[in-house]
Protein backbone atom coordinates (compact mmCIF):
# COMPACT_ATOMS: atom_id res chain seq x y z
CA MET A 1 14.07 -1.34 -14.23
CA GLU A 2 12.35 1.61 -12.81
CA LYS A 3 12.67 2.56 -9.90
CA VAL A 4 10.75 4.19 -6.67
CA LYS A 5 10.40 8.00 -6.38
CA SER A 6 9.77 9.49 -3.26
CA GLN A 7 9.32 13.09 -1.87
CA ILE A 8 7.67 14.88 0.98
CA GLU A 9 4.82 17.85 -0.16
CA GLY A 10 4.32 19.01 3.30
CA LYS A 11 2.00 16.39 4.93
CA THR A 12 2.09 14.01 1.82
CA LEU A 13 4.58 11.58 1.33
CA VAL A 14 4.24 11.37 -2.85
CA VAL A 15 6.06 7.84 -4.27
CA GLU A 16 5.76 7.12 -7.67
CA ARG A 17 7.00 4.03 -9.60
CA SER A 18 6.46 3.25 -13.67
CA PHE A 19 5.06 -0.37 -14.32
CA ASN A 20 5.83 -1.98 -17.76
CA ALA A 21 1.66 -3.32 -17.68
CA PRO A 22 -1.36 -1.74 -18.96
CA ARG A 23 -3.20 0.37 -16.40
CA ALA A 24 -6.50 -1.79 -16.01
CA LEU A 25 -3.80 -5.01 -14.74
CA VAL A 26 -2.22 -2.51 -12.14
CA PHE A 27 -5.76 -1.44 -11.22
CA GLU A 28 -7.02 -4.69 -10.50
CA ALA A 29 -3.71 -5.72 -8.40
CA PHE A 30 -5.09 -2.99 -5.66
CA SER A 31 -8.69 -3.66 -6.55
CA THR A 32 -8.48 -7.73 -6.03
CA PRO A 33 -8.19 -9.81 -2.92
CA ALA A 34 -6.25 -12.53 -4.40
CA HIS A 35 -4.11 -10.21 -6.28
CA LEU A 36 -3.06 -8.22 -3.04
CA GLU A 37 -2.42 -11.26 -1.12
CA ALA A 38 0.26 -12.01 -3.57
CA TRP A 39 2.38 -8.96 -3.51
CA TRP A 40 1.01 -6.24 -0.96
CA GLY A 41 3.40 -5.99 1.98
CA PRO A 42 7.30 -6.00 2.10
CA ALA A 43 9.35 -8.81 1.01
CA GLY A 44 9.46 -11.63 3.30
CA TRP A 45 6.09 -11.15 4.46
CA LYS A 46 2.95 -12.70 3.76
CA THR A 47 -0.35 -10.94 3.99
CA GLU A 48 -3.63 -12.45 4.64
CA VAL A 49 -7.04 -10.25 3.72
CA ARG A 50 -9.22 -10.52 6.04
CA THR A 51 -12.08 -8.41 4.94
CA PHE A 52 -12.48 -6.50 1.45
CA GLU A 53 -15.52 -4.51 0.68
CA PHE A 54 -14.32 -2.50 -2.91
CA GLU A 55 -17.02 0.13 -2.80
CA PRO A 56 -17.19 3.56 -1.12
CA GLY A 57 -17.67 3.09 2.59
CA GLY A 58 -16.51 -0.39 2.46
CA THR A 59 -12.88 -1.80 4.54
CA TRP A 60 -10.60 -3.86 3.99
CA HIS A 61 -8.69 -5.66 7.17
CA TYR A 62 -5.45 -7.34 6.66
CA LYS A 63 -2.93 -9.17 8.61
CA MET A 64 0.97 -9.01 7.68
CA THR A 65 3.23 -11.86 8.97
CA CYS A 66 6.53 -11.84 8.55
CA VAL A 67 7.98 -14.98 7.35
CA ASP A 68 11.36 -14.45 6.61
CA LYS A 69 14.04 -16.54 8.88
CA GLU A 70 16.59 -13.49 8.15
CA GLN A 71 14.73 -10.69 8.99
CA GLY A 72 15.80 -11.70 13.05
CA ASP A 73 13.47 -9.62 15.57
CA TYR A 74 11.05 -9.09 13.08
CA TYR A 75 10.37 -12.97 12.05
CA GLY A 76 6.62 -14.01 13.22
CA MET A 77 6.11 -10.71 13.77
CA GLU A 78 2.14 -9.85 12.77
CA SER A 79 0.99 -6.20 11.49
CA TRP A 80 -2.96 -5.46 10.98
CA GLY A 81 -4.26 -2.76 9.18
CA LYS A 82 -7.74 -1.23 8.30
CA SER A 83 -8.59 0.53 5.44
CA THR A 84 -11.77 2.01 4.62
CA PHE A 85 -12.57 3.27 0.89
CA LEU A 86 -13.38 6.62 0.25
CA GLU A 87 -13.32 7.26 -3.78
CA ILE A 88 -13.15 4.84 -6.65
CA ASP A 89 -12.75 5.87 -10.19
CA PRO A 90 -12.07 2.09 -11.79
CA HIS A 91 -8.65 1.98 -13.84
CA ARG A 92 -8.00 5.36 -12.44
CA LYS A 93 -8.10 6.32 -8.73
CA ILE A 94 -8.64 4.84 -5.31
CA VAL A 95 -8.69 6.95 -2.15
CA TYR A 96 -9.04 5.34 0.91
CA THR A 97 -7.83 5.88 4.51
CA ASP A 98 -5.01 3.54 5.81
CA ALA A 99 -4.77 2.45 9.69
CA PHE A 100 -2.81 0.44 11.80
CA SER A 101 -5.19 -1.73 13.67
CA ASP A 102 -5.66 -5.25 15.75
CA ALA A 103 -7.21 -8.61 14.89
CA ASP A 104 -10.71 -7.42 15.48
CA GLY A 105 -10.09 -4.04 13.21
CA HIS A 106 -9.80 -1.53 16.57
CA VAL A 107 -7.60 1.53 14.75
CA ASN A 108 -4.35 2.03 16.99
CA PRO A 109 -4.97 5.77 18.53
CA GLU A 110 -0.90 5.53 19.03
CA LEU A 111 -0.26 5.84 15.37
CA PRO A 112 -0.87 7.87 12.51
CA VAL A 113 -4.38 7.71 10.24
CA MET A 114 -3.33 8.53 6.39
CA THR A 115 -5.38 9.26 3.14
CA ILE A 116 -3.90 7.94 0.38
CA THR A 117 -4.64 8.29 -3.29
CA ASN A 118 -3.60 5.84 -5.77
CA GLU A 119 -3.65 7.26 -9.30
CA PHE A 120 -2.75 5.08 -12.62
CA VAL A 121 -1.87 6.80 -15.32
CA ASP A 122 -1.31 5.88 -18.93
CA ILE A 123 2.14 6.15 -20.45
CA PRO A 124 4.34 4.73 -23.39
CA ASN A 125 4.44 0.78 -22.61
CA GLY A 126 2.91 0.93 -19.45
CA THR A 127 1.56 2.49 -16.54
CA LEU A 128 2.75 5.41 -13.90
CA PHE A 129 1.45 5.25 -10.56
CA ILE A 130 1.09 7.94 -7.98
CA SER A 131 0.58 7.51 -4.38
CA ARG A 132 -0.23 10.47 -2.10
CA SER A 133 -0.66 9.20 1.54
CA GLU A 134 -1.80 12.22 3.23
CA PHE A 135 -0.96 12.47 6.88
CA THR A 136 -3.16 15.01 9.51
CA ASP A 137 0.36 16.65 10.76
CA ALA A 138 4.48 16.93 9.73
CA GLU A 139 5.16 15.11 12.99
CA SER A 140 2.82 11.48 12.14
CA LEU A 141 4.34 11.58 8.34
CA GLN A 142 7.96 11.64 9.65
CA GLN A 143 7.01 8.64 12.34
CA VAL A 144 6.14 7.00 9.57
CA VAL A 145 9.15 7.63 7.42
CA GLU A 146 11.23 7.07 10.06
CA MET A 147 9.48 3.45 10.74
CA GLY A 148 11.03 2.44 7.50
CA ALA A 149 7.74 2.96 5.13
CA VAL A 150 9.23 4.17 1.97
CA GLU A 151 11.37 1.12 1.83
CA GLY A 152 8.62 -0.93 2.51
CA PHE A 153 6.47 0.67 0.24
CA SER A 154 9.20 0.26 -2.49
CA SER A 155 9.87 -3.45 -1.63
CA GLN A 156 6.23 -4.21 -2.09
CA LEU A 157 5.91 -2.19 -5.30
CA GLU A 158 8.97 -4.82 -6.76
CA ARG A 159 6.75 -7.35 -5.85
CA LEU A 160 4.11 -6.41 -7.81
CA ASP A 161 6.23 -5.53 -10.67
CA ALA A 162 7.53 -9.32 -10.69
CA ILE A 163 3.98 -10.48 -11.12
CA VAL A 164 2.19 -7.34 -13.39
CA SER A 165 5.40 -7.38 -15.73
CA ARG A 166 5.48 -10.94 -16.63
């Protein structure tokens, strides 16, 4: 199984992973609320989509809840996110802003907002997924990395792989 590759380029975190699944299927997993609820978030977390308007200018507001008692202090914790879609090129690219928010969708000004570009590329036997998270400054990028973003994203891409490679 292909593991996640990640690197930092200036103020941008780049994460790549290949999937043994067609590009249209991998794209659909990122563009359909029911699919996102099945895999979004690290292992042991459940995602609930509040709003999902998959069009430029549309928003995606969601809640992740830790449902794994083994995760100690995280168990029962809620984490809210809010994204705004900027560009959608079906089966090729999704660009959106991503922010931490509260239950009402108010963005948390104390945590970084990033612009994410997800690309879906045909490769032999599947799809190469490339995600570029661009931050306003290197400190914000470091803050999110220290919060475990790479490990969390890797974990959720493993969950996605279990679904799309079936």
